[in-house]
């Protein structure tokens, strides 16, 4: 988890050129504690799921737009 925590991708979207934005781990951990775990992240990536630790996730390649969402869902806020 530390590897991902120190990435420059925590910089707000308007301040960098990448299109990915990752929620800081402290918020994900709080959500995980409240929900008792995360079953699905419907808009994620392999890299992001290292921190989110969802049982399953949908990515650009496996689009969550045309799939059923289930369980305890976490989605990065816009």
C-alpha atoms as a PDB file:
ATOM      1  CA  UNK A   1       0.000   0.000   0.000  1.00  0.00           C
ATOM      2  CA  UNK A   2       2.823   2.456   0.743  1.00  0.00           C
ATOM      3  CA  UNK A   3       3.989   2.153  -2.864  1.00  0.00           C
ATOM      4  CA  UNK A   4       0.682   3.591  -4.099  1.00  0.00           C
ATOM      5  CA  UNK A   5       0.284   6.156  -1.286  1.00  0.00           C
ATOM      6  CA  UNK A   6       3.339   8.103  -2.413  1.00  0.00           C
ATOM      7  CA  UNK A   7       2.374   8.353  -6.064  1.00  0.00           C
ATOM      8  CA  UNK A   8       1.986  11.730  -7.726  1.00  0.00           C
ATOM      9  CA  UNK A   9      -1.503  10.660  -8.813  1.00  0.00           C
ATOM     10  CA  UNK A  10      -2.898  12.037  -5.539  1.00  0.00           C
ATOM     11  CA  UNK A  11      -2.532  15.486  -7.109  1.00  0.00           C
ATOM     12  CA  UNK A  12      -5.963  16.984  -7.954  1.00  0.00           C
ATOM     13  CA  UNK A  13      -7.132  16.328 -11.500  1.00  0.00           C
ATOM     14  CA  UNK A  14      -6.696  19.884 -12.803  1.00  0.00           C
ATOM     15  CA  UNK A  15      -3.059  20.015 -11.686  1.00  0.00           C
ATOM     16  CA  UNK A  16      -1.705  17.126 -13.761  1.00  0.00           C
ATOM     17  CA  UNK A  17      -1.964  15.554 -17.190  1.00  0.00           C
ATOM     18  CA  UNK A  18      -3.049  11.985 -16.391  1.00  0.00           C
ATOM     19  CA  UNK A  19      -6.712  11.053 -16.509  1.00  0.00           C
ATOM     20  CA  UNK A  20      -6.601   8.810 -13.439  1.00  0.00           C
ATOM     21  CA  UNK A  21      -7.409  10.139  -9.972  1.00  0.00           C
ATOM     22  CA  UNK A  22      -7.070   8.015  -6.868  1.00  0.00           C
ATOM     23  CA  UNK A  23      -8.875   8.541  -3.581  1.00  0.00           C
ATOM     24  CA  UNK A  24      -6.394   8.898  -0.708  1.00  0.00           C
ATOM     25  CA  UNK A  25      -6.129   5.604   1.221  1.00  0.00           C
ATOM     26  CA  UNK A  26      -7.358   7.132   4.495  1.00  0.00           C
ATOM     27  CA  UNK A  27     -10.833   7.614   2.968  1.00  0.00           C
ATOM     28  CA  UNK A  28     -10.927   4.165   1.426  1.00  0.00           C
ATOM     29  CA  UNK A  29      -9.945   2.581   4.737  1.00  0.00           C
ATOM     30  CA  UNK A  30     -12.707   4.535   6.518  1.00  0.00           C
ATOM     31  CA  UNK A  31     -15.257   3.355   3.930  1.00  0.00           C
ATOM     32  CA  UNK A  32     -13.991  -0.224   4.223  1.00  0.00           C
ATOM     33  CA  UNK A  33     -14.444  -0.114   7.999  1.00  0.00           C
ATOM     34  CA  UNK A  34     -17.959   1.360   7.789  1.00  0.00           C
ATOM     35  CA  UNK A  35     -19.102  -1.062   5.072  1.00  0.00           C
ATOM     36  CA  UNK A  36     -17.303  -4.093   6.458  1.00  0.00           C
ATOM     37  CA  UNK A  37     -15.317  -4.564   3.255  1.00  0.00           C
ATOM     38  CA  UNK A  38     -15.644  -3.728  -0.425  1.00  0.00           C
ATOM     39  CA  UNK A  39     -17.129  -6.252  -2.855  1.00  0.00           C
ATOM     40  CA  UNK A  40     -16.980  -4.199  -6.044  1.00  0.00           C
ATOM     41  CA  UNK A  41     -15.299  -1.117  -7.474  1.00  0.00           C
ATOM     42  CA  UNK A  42     -17.129  -0.535 -10.782  1.00  0.00           C
ATOM     43  CA  UNK A  43     -14.746   2.119 -12.149  1.00  0.00           C
ATOM     44  CA  UNK A  44     -11.227   1.061 -11.282  1.00  0.00           C
ATOM     45  CA  UNK A  45      -7.938  -0.413 -12.433  1.00  0.00           C
ATOM     46  CA  UNK A  46      -5.479  -3.035 -11.253  1.00  0.00           C
ATOM     47  CA  UNK A  47      -3.292  -0.315  -9.770  1.00  0.00           C
ATOM     48  CA  UNK A  48      -6.142   1.357  -7.876  1.00  0.00           C
ATOM     49  CA  UNK A  49      -7.409  -1.967  -6.569  1.00  0.00           C
ATOM     50  CA  UNK A  50      -4.109  -2.515  -4.755  1.00  0.00           C
ATOM     51  CA  UNK A  51      -5.364   0.146  -2.333  1.00  0.00           C
ATOM     52  CA  UNK A  52      -9.129  -0.348  -2.600  1.00  0.00           C
ATOM     53  CA  UNK A  53      -8.796  -4.124  -2.181  1.00  0.00           C
ATOM     54  CA  UNK A  54     -12.228  -4.839  -3.638  1.00  0.00           C
ATOM     55  CA  UNK A  55     -13.105  -8.494  -4.184  1.00  0.00           C
ATOM     56  CA  UNK A  56     -13.850  -7.590  -7.814  1.00  0.00           C
ATOM     57  CA  UNK A  57     -13.449  -4.477  -9.959  1.00  0.00           C
ATOM     58  CA  UNK A  58     -14.379  -3.271 -13.411  1.00  0.00           C
ATOM     59  CA  UNK A  59     -11.853  -1.383 -15.528  1.00  0.00           C
ATOM     60  CA  UNK A  60     -11.742   0.382 -18.875  1.00  0.00           C
ATOM     61  CA  UNK A  61     -11.333  -3.025 -20.491  1.00  0.00           C
ATOM     62  CA  UNK A  62     -14.114  -4.595 -18.381  1.00  0.00           C
ATOM     63  CA  UNK A  63     -16.545  -1.687 -18.396  1.00  0.00           C
ATOM     64  CA  UNK A  64     -18.852  -1.306 -15.418  1.00  0.00           C
ATOM     65  CA  UNK A  65     -21.337   0.632 -17.528  1.00  0.00           C
ATOM     66  CA  UNK A  66     -22.929  -2.488 -18.988  1.00  0.00           C
ATOM     67  CA  UNK A  67     -22.554  -4.889 -16.048  1.00  0.00           C
ATOM     68  CA  UNK A  68     -24.618  -5.592 -12.954  1.00  0.00           C
ATOM     69  CA  UNK A  69     -23.232  -4.028  -9.783  1.00  0.00           C
ATOM     70  CA  UNK A  70     -23.526  -6.061  -6.618  1.00  0.00           C
ATOM     71  CA  UNK A  71     -22.643  -6.190  -2.943  1.00  0.00           C
ATOM     72  CA  UNK A  72     -20.838  -3.409  -1.089  1.00  0.00           C
ATOM     73  CA  UNK A  73     -19.859  -0.989  -3.865  1.00  0.00           C
ATOM     74  CA  UNK A  74     -17.077   1.585  -3.640  1.00  0.00           C
ATOM     75  CA  UNK A  75     -16.654   4.160  -6.388  1.00  0.00           C
ATOM     76  CA  UNK A  76     -14.141   6.952  -6.441  1.00  0.00           C
ATOM     77  CA  UNK A  77     -15.992  10.263  -6.109  1.00  0.00           C
ATOM     78  CA  UNK A  78     -15.670  12.681  -9.035  1.00  0.00           C
END
